[in-house]
Amino acid sequence: MKKLLFSLLPVVALCAADVREEILVIVNGHTITRRAFQQAVEQDAAALYRQFSGKELDGKLRDAREKTLQGLVDAFILQDKGNEVGILVPDDYMRTVVEDFKKQYNFATDADFEKALKGSVGIGLPDWIKQQKQQMIQQEVLRKEVYAKIAIEDQELRAFYEDHKDEYRMPSRFRIRELVVPKGATAEEQAAAKTKIEEIQTALKGGKSFEEMVKEHSSSPSKSLGGDLGWIGKGLMRPAIEQAALVMKSDQISAPIETDKDIYLIQLIAAEDDLVKPFSEVKPLILQKLQEPKAQNAIQNYLQGLRIRANIRYQVPKETILKG
């Protein structure tokens, strides 16, 4: 835990490496440091630049620092409320969340995922997990304390679904396993690679499972997952591999597919063609969407009540923080 130093100097926090950080706000014992605030400001600004432009962007940016600061304060307040009412997000569940993201975006390892996070949002995997956990707790608090008290009739939900089915249409996608054998640079190496592929095909015809052969022979990072690449939308794979996958049947194994550097065998796990998600699956999303307009005032009133009861101490005047 960070230790607070009380003196005539600005309040600071001591990190493990004895690096002093200026504390801007203390919320129920939690600290918001200048570095954490600046990181949040940069992330929120980047999100605004992706969503808006022109005068609308200028207007959003004028209020951005204040909204970011209030968001950090509210996050701790909601986190404490979550603890108070017994809302927990287990570590093993967060591990599942990480694995789901890795599969969805085709990251073979935690290191690959973390590299992408640092490139896109500027944080490492532990901080991302912490943020995700905090957001889940916040959302669950608001769901229980605010949204659950806003009733929407089932017939209204179903009517919205029927009128907006295109919003819940899933683009065509497929899921495959891959087995990758490097071709090599020399004629001898290329001949050996083709021989190896033929031996693998023979073993598959003899009853060996594709997944088992992947783990024995594939050179791809997906080897540890049995070659499973997760769900892939059309247009995201090499054309030769995608074309083969789209004409295959479930569990069918392709003929060898050659690229510049490798020879592939693929197995189709499943394919989905332009389906609409069932009402039962999207019902919670529709409920949230219809509750949202009705919930805005209720959320602000609820948060204001939590803020009044919270112990919020500005160690640096708020107007100074907002000036930057």
Protein backbone atom coordinates (compact mmCIF):
# COMPACT_ATOMS: atom_id res chain seq x y z
CA MET A 1 0.00 0.00 0.00
CA LYS A 2 1.15 3.54 -0.65
CA LYS A 3 2.08 5.48 2.47
CA LEU A 4 0.96 9.05 2.91
CA LEU A 5 3.41 11.70 4.11
CA PHE A 6 1.77 14.54 5.99
CA SER A 7 3.86 17.70 6.02
CA LEU A 8 3.91 21.24 4.70
CA LEU A 9 5.07 19.84 1.36
CA PRO A 10 2.59 18.63 -1.31
CA VAL A 11 1.14 15.27 -0.39
CA VAL A 12 3.03 12.45 -2.15
CA ALA A 13 2.96 8.68 -2.32
CA LEU A 14 6.01 6.45 -1.91
CA CYS A 15 6.37 3.72 -4.55
CA ALA A 16 8.45 0.57 -4.14
CA ALA A 17 11.31 2.14 -6.11
CA ASP A 18 11.22 5.19 -3.74
CA VAL A 19 9.76 7.33 -6.53
CA ARG A 20 7.58 10.08 -5.12
CA GLU A 21 4.24 10.73 -6.76
CA GLU A 22 2.06 13.75 -6.09
CA ILE A 23 -1.36 12.81 -4.79
CA LEU A 24 -4.18 14.97 -6.10
CA VAL A 25 -7.24 13.48 -4.40
CA ILE A 26 -7.90 10.96 -1.62
CA VAL A 27 -11.21 9.10 -1.93
CA ASN A 28 -12.13 6.93 1.07
CA GLY A 29 -8.44 6.19 1.52
CA HIS A 30 -7.79 5.53 -2.18
CA THR A 31 -5.36 7.88 -3.91
CA ILE A 32 -5.54 9.54 -7.30
CA THR A 33 -2.02 10.54 -8.31
CA ARG A 34 -1.05 13.08 -10.93
CA ARG A 35 0.39 10.31 -13.10
CA ALA A 36 -2.79 8.20 -12.88
CA PHE A 37 -4.92 11.26 -13.66
CA GLN A 38 -2.76 12.23 -16.64
CA GLN A 39 -2.88 8.69 -18.03
CA ALA A 40 -6.68 8.69 -17.73
CA VAL A 41 -6.89 12.12 -19.40
CA GLU A 42 -4.79 10.89 -22.33
CA GLN A 43 -6.85 7.71 -22.73
CA ASP A 44 -10.16 9.60 -22.60
CA ALA A 45 -8.90 12.25 -25.04
CA ALA A 46 -7.75 9.56 -27.48
CA ALA A 47 -11.22 8.00 -27.31
CA LEU A 48 -12.84 11.38 -28.04
CA TYR A 49 -10.59 11.93 -31.06
CA ARG A 50 -11.68 8.54 -32.41
CA GLN A 51 -15.39 9.31 -31.97
CA PHE A 52 -15.79 13.02 -32.74
CA SER A 53 -14.41 15.81 -34.90
CA GLY A 54 -14.74 19.54 -35.52
CA LYS A 55 -16.83 21.69 -33.17
CA GLU A 56 -18.35 18.67 -31.50
CA LEU A 57 -14.85 17.43 -30.59
CA ASP A 58 -13.86 20.88 -29.30
CA GLY A 59 -16.89 20.92 -27.03
CA LYS A 60 -16.15 17.46 -25.66
CA LEU A 61 -12.50 18.33 -25.00
CA ARG A 62 -13.43 21.46 -23.01
CA ASP A 63 -15.13 19.35 -20.37
CA ALA A 64 -12.87 16.31 -20.69
CA ARG A 65 -10.50 16.90 -17.76
CA GLU A 66 -13.32 17.56 -15.31
CA LYS A 67 -15.26 14.50 -16.48
CA THR A 68 -12.14 12.34 -16.26
CA LEU A 69 -11.41 13.51 -12.73
CA GLN A 70 -15.00 12.96 -11.63
CA GLY A 71 -14.91 9.52 -13.28
CA LEU A 72 -11.85 8.51 -11.26
CA VAL A 73 -13.48 9.70 -8.04
CA ASP A 74 -16.75 7.92 -8.84
CA ALA A 75 -14.88 4.73 -9.76
CA PHE A 76 -13.47 4.45 -6.23
CA ILE A 77 -16.84 5.32 -4.68
CA LEU A 78 -18.59 2.63 -6.72
CA GLN A 79 -15.81 0.16 -6.01
CA ASP A 80 -16.27 0.68 -2.27
CA LYS A 81 -20.04 0.36 -2.65
CA GLY A 82 -19.46 -2.90 -4.49
CA ASN A 83 -17.33 -4.18 -1.63
CA GLU A 84 -19.97 -3.06 0.84
CA VAL A 85 -22.74 -5.05 -0.88
CA GLY A 86 -20.51 -8.06 -1.54
CA ILE A 87 -19.88 -7.78 -5.28
CA LEU A 88 -16.73 -9.71 -6.18
CA VAL A 89 -14.97 -10.49 -9.45
CA PRO A 90 -12.81 -13.61 -8.89
CA ASP A 91 -9.30 -13.76 -10.34
CA ASP A 92 -10.10 -17.01 -12.17
CA TYR A 93 -12.99 -15.25 -13.92
CA MET A 94 -10.65 -12.45 -15.04
CA ARG A 95 -8.32 -15.12 -16.40
CA THR A 96 -11.23 -16.36 -18.50
CA VAL A 97 -11.86 -12.80 -19.72
CA VAL A 98 -8.22 -12.51 -20.80
CA GLU A 99 -8.33 -15.84 -22.65
CA ASP A 100 -11.55 -14.83 -24.40
CA PHE A 101 -9.98 -11.58 -25.60
CA LYS A 102 -6.88 -13.44 -26.79
CA LYS A 103 -9.00 -15.87 -28.78
CA GLN A 104 -11.23 -13.16 -30.20
CA TYR A 105 -8.30 -11.10 -31.46
CA ASN A 106 -5.95 -14.00 -32.26
CA PHE A 107 -3.27 -13.33 -29.63
CA ALA A 108 -1.32 -16.52 -28.96
CA THR A 109 0.26 -15.41 -25.67
CA ASP A 110 -0.20 -12.93 -22.83
CA ALA A 111 2.92 -11.15 -24.10
CA ASP A 112 1.33 -10.60 -27.53
CA PHE A 113 -1.85 -9.28 -25.90
CA GLU A 114 0.11 -6.96 -23.61
CA LYS A 115 2.13 -5.59 -26.54
CA ALA A 116 -1.11 -4.69 -28.33
CA LEU A 117 -2.51 -3.07 -25.17
CA LYS A 118 0.56 -0.91 -24.71
CA GLY A 119 0.39 0.13 -28.35
CA SER A 120 -3.32 0.98 -28.33
CA VAL A 121 -4.13 2.25 -24.81
CA GLY A 122 -0.68 2.61 -23.24
CA ILE A 123 -1.08 0.20 -20.33
CA GLY A 124 0.18 -3.27 -19.50
CA LEU A 125 -1.86 -6.42 -18.91
CA PRO A 126 -2.02 -6.19 -15.07
CA ASP A 127 -3.36 -2.62 -15.26
CA TRP A 128 -5.84 -3.64 -17.97
CA ILE A 129 -7.12 -6.51 -15.82
CA LYS A 130 -7.45 -4.14 -12.86
CA GLN A 131 -9.40 -1.64 -14.97
CA GLN A 132 -11.69 -4.36 -16.35
CA LYS A 133 -12.39 -5.68 -12.86
CA GLN A 134 -13.18 -2.19 -11.56
CA GLN A 135 -15.52 -1.53 -14.50
CA MET A 136 -17.34 -4.82 -13.92
CA ILE A 137 -17.87 -3.96 -10.25
CA GLN A 138 -19.08 -0.45 -11.15
CA GLN A 139 -21.49 -1.80 -13.75
CA GLU A 140 -22.86 -4.42 -11.38
CA VAL A 141 -23.41 -1.83 -8.65
CA LEU A 142 -25.33 0.39 -11.06
CA ARG A 143 -27.26 -2.60 -12.38
CA LYS A 144 -28.39 -3.63 -8.89
CA GLU A 145 -28.87 -0.20 -7.40
CA VAL A 146 -30.29 1.70 -10.39
CA TYR A 147 -31.12 -0.31 -13.51
CA ALA A 148 -32.86 -3.16 -11.69
CA LYS A 149 -35.36 -0.63 -10.36
CA ILE A 150 -36.33 0.59 -13.85
CA ALA A 151 -38.95 -1.78 -15.22
CA ILE A 152 -39.32 -2.47 -18.96
CA GLU A 153 -42.10 -4.80 -20.14
CA ASP A 154 -41.00 -7.92 -22.02
CA GLN A 155 -43.29 -7.07 -24.93
CA GLU A 156 -41.50 -3.72 -25.33
CA LEU A 157 -38.14 -5.54 -25.45
CA ARG A 158 -39.37 -8.01 -28.04
CA ALA A 159 -40.91 -5.26 -30.18
CA PHE A 160 -37.59 -3.40 -30.21
CA TYR A 161 -35.81 -6.62 -31.24
CA GLU A 162 -38.19 -7.20 -34.17
CA ASP A 163 -37.78 -3.58 -35.35
CA HIS A 164 -33.98 -3.60 -35.06
CA LYS A 165 -32.95 -7.11 -36.11
CA ASP A 166 -30.30 -5.78 -38.47
CA GLU A 167 -28.43 -4.40 -35.45
CA TYR A 168 -28.05 -7.95 -34.12
CA ARG A 169 -27.04 -9.58 -37.39
CA MET A 170 -23.70 -11.38 -37.20
CA PRO A 171 -21.43 -11.20 -40.27
CA SER A 172 -20.40 -14.49 -41.82
CA ARG A 173 -17.53 -16.06 -39.95
CA PHE A 174 -15.71 -19.35 -39.57
CA ARG A 175 -13.53 -21.13 -37.06
CA ILE A 176 -10.60 -23.33 -38.05
CA ARG A 177 -7.64 -25.20 -36.70
CA GLU A 178 -4.34 -24.76 -38.52
CA LEU A 179 -1.30 -26.99 -38.84
CA VAL A 180 1.72 -25.12 -40.21
CA VAL A 181 4.92 -26.64 -41.57
CA PRO A 182 7.72 -24.27 -42.70
CA LYS A 183 8.79 -24.81 -46.32
CA GLY A 184 12.41 -23.91 -45.71
CA ALA A 185 14.78 -22.07 -48.04
CA THR A 186 16.50 -24.81 -50.02
CA ALA A 187 15.09 -27.36 -52.43
CA GLU A 188 15.98 -30.13 -50.00
CA GLU A 189 14.16 -28.41 -47.12
CA GLN A 190 11.09 -27.83 -49.28
CA ALA A 191 11.05 -31.47 -50.35
CA ALA A 192 11.34 -32.52 -46.69
CA ALA A 193 8.43 -30.22 -45.76
CA LYS A 194 6.20 -31.79 -48.41
CA THR A 195 7.18 -35.26 -47.25
CA LYS A 196 6.30 -34.29 -43.69
CA ILE A 197 2.89 -33.01 -44.79
CA GLU A 198 2.25 -36.28 -46.64
CA GLU A 199 3.19 -38.26 -43.51
CA ILE A 200 0.81 -36.12 -41.43
CA GLN A 201 -1.99 -36.70 -43.96
CA THR A 202 -1.36 -40.44 -43.79
CA ALA A 203 -1.51 -40.36 -39.98
CA LEU A 204 -4.78 -38.40 -40.14
CA LYS A 205 -6.28 -40.96 -42.52
CA GLY A 206 -5.15 -43.64 -40.08
CA GLY A 207 -7.25 -42.17 -37.29
CA LYS A 208 -4.97 -39.59 -35.62
CA SER A 209 -6.84 -36.46 -34.52
CA PHE A 210 -6.01 -33.19 -36.23
CA GLU A 211 -5.53 -31.49 -32.87
CA GLU A 212 -3.05 -34.16 -31.81
CA MET A 213 -1.05 -33.77 -35.03
CA VAL A 214 -1.00 -29.99 -34.57
CA LYS A 215 0.55 -30.35 -31.13
CA GLU A 216 3.16 -32.73 -32.51
CA HIS A 217 4.13 -31.01 -35.74
CA SER A 218 2.84 -27.43 -36.15
CA SER A 219 5.24 -24.49 -35.99
CA SER A 220 2.51 -21.90 -35.41
CA PRO A 221 1.99 -20.07 -32.07
CA SER A 222 -1.52 -21.56 -32.12
CA LYS A 223 0.07 -24.97 -31.50
CA SER A 224 -0.60 -24.75 -27.75
CA LEU A 225 -4.32 -24.28 -28.52
CA GLY A 226 -4.46 -27.27 -30.83
CA GLY A 227 -4.31 -24.89 -33.79
CA ASP A 228 -7.64 -23.25 -32.89
CA LEU A 229 -7.69 -19.69 -34.27
CA GLY A 230 -11.07 -18.79 -32.80
CA TRP A 231 -13.85 -17.15 -34.80
CA ILE A 232 -12.62 -15.25 -37.86
CA GLY A 233 -14.67 -12.85 -39.96
CA LYS A 234 -14.53 -12.93 -43.73
CA GLY A 235 -11.66 -10.97 -45.23
CA LEU A 236 -9.30 -11.39 -42.28
CA MET A 237 -7.39 -14.51 -43.35
CA ARG A 238 -5.07 -15.22 -46.26
CA PRO A 239 -7.32 -15.56 -49.33
CA ALA A 240 -6.18 -19.13 -50.12
CA ILE A 241 -6.94 -20.28 -46.56
CA GLU A 242 -10.26 -18.45 -46.38
CA GLN A 243 -11.40 -19.80 -49.76
CA ALA A 244 -10.64 -23.33 -48.61
CA ALA A 245 -12.43 -22.85 -45.29
CA LEU A 246 -15.59 -21.45 -46.88
CA VAL A 247 -16.23 -24.55 -49.01
CA MET A 248 -15.43 -27.13 -46.34
CA LYS A 249 -17.79 -29.02 -44.05
CA SER A 250 -17.39 -29.23 -40.27
CA ASP A 251 -14.40 -31.43 -39.25
CA GLN A 252 -13.23 -31.69 -42.87
CA ILE A 253 -9.48 -31.28 -43.43
CA SER A 254 -8.14 -29.36 -46.41
CA ALA A 255 -5.58 -30.35 -48.99
CA PRO A 256 -2.16 -28.74 -48.44
CA ILE A 257 -2.22 -24.95 -48.93
CA GLU A 258 1.12 -23.38 -49.84
CA THR A 259 2.16 -19.81 -49.07
CA ASP A 260 5.53 -18.15 -49.62
CA LYS A 261 7.00 -19.56 -46.42
CA ASP A 262 4.74 -22.35 -45.16
CA ILE A 263 2.49 -25.25 -46.00
CA TYR A 264 -0.88 -25.32 -44.22
CA LEU A 265 -3.43 -27.95 -43.42
CA ILE A 266 -6.64 -26.59 -41.94
CA GLN A 267 -9.65 -28.20 -40.32
CA LEU A 268 -13.02 -26.46 -40.25
CA ILE A 269 -14.53 -26.43 -36.76
CA ALA A 270 -17.68 -24.47 -37.60
CA ALA A 271 -19.06 -21.78 -39.90
CA GLU A 272 -21.89 -19.27 -39.49
CA ASP A 273 -23.45 -17.45 -42.41
CA ASP A 274 -25.16 -14.10 -41.79
CA LEU A 275 -27.16 -15.14 -38.74
CA VAL A 276 -29.29 -12.95 -36.46
CA LYS A 277 -28.56 -13.40 -32.77
CA PRO A 278 -31.55 -14.90 -30.95
CA PHE A 279 -33.72 -12.67 -28.77
CA SER A 280 -32.69 -14.57 -25.62
CA GLU A 281 -29.04 -13.70 -26.25
CA VAL A 282 -29.51 -9.99 -26.92
CA LYS A 283 -32.35 -9.36 -24.46
CA PRO A 284 -30.00 -8.03 -21.72
CA LEU A 285 -28.44 -5.61 -24.23
CA ILE A 286 -31.85 -4.38 -25.36
CA LEU A 287 -32.96 -4.00 -21.76
CA GLN A 288 -29.91 -1.87 -21.00
CA LYS A 289 -30.44 0.20 -24.15
CA LEU A 290 -34.06 0.97 -23.29
CA GLN A 291 -33.25 1.60 -19.65
CA GLU A 292 -30.40 3.98 -20.47
CA PRO A 293 -32.44 7.15 -21.20
CA LYS A 294 -34.60 6.55 -18.14
CA ALA A 295 -31.57 5.80 -15.99
CA GLN A 296 -29.44 8.90 -16.62
CA ASN A 297 -31.10 11.09 -14.00
CA ALA A 298 -31.38 8.14 -11.60
CA ILE A 299 -27.66 7.40 -11.96
CA GLN A 300 -26.65 11.00 -11.31
CA ASN A 301 -28.90 11.16 -8.25
CA TYR A 302 -27.51 7.86 -6.99
CA LEU A 303 -23.89 8.95 -7.52
CA GLN A 304 -24.56 12.30 -5.86
CA GLY A 305 -25.83 10.47 -2.79
CA LEU A 306 -22.67 8.33 -2.70
CA ARG A 307 -20.45 11.40 -3.13
CA ILE A 308 -22.10 13.16 -0.20
CA ARG A 309 -21.42 10.18 2.07
CA ALA A 310 -17.86 9.60 0.76
CA ASN A 311 -14.71 11.06 2.28
CA ILE A 312 -13.25 13.03 -0.64
CA ARG A 313 -10.23 15.22 0.11
CA TYR A 314 -8.52 17.34 -2.54
CA GLN A 315 -4.81 17.61 -1.74
CA VAL A 316 -4.42 19.99 -4.66
CA PRO A 317 -7.19 22.54 -5.31
CA LYS A 318 -9.65 21.18 -7.87
CA GLU A 319 -9.40 24.25 -10.08
CA THR A 320 -5.60 23.82 -10.21
CA ILE A 321 -5.96 20.17 -11.24
CA LEU A 322 -8.40 21.08 -14.01
CA LYS A 323 -6.11 23.80 -15.39
CA GLY A 324 -3.39 21.14 -15.92
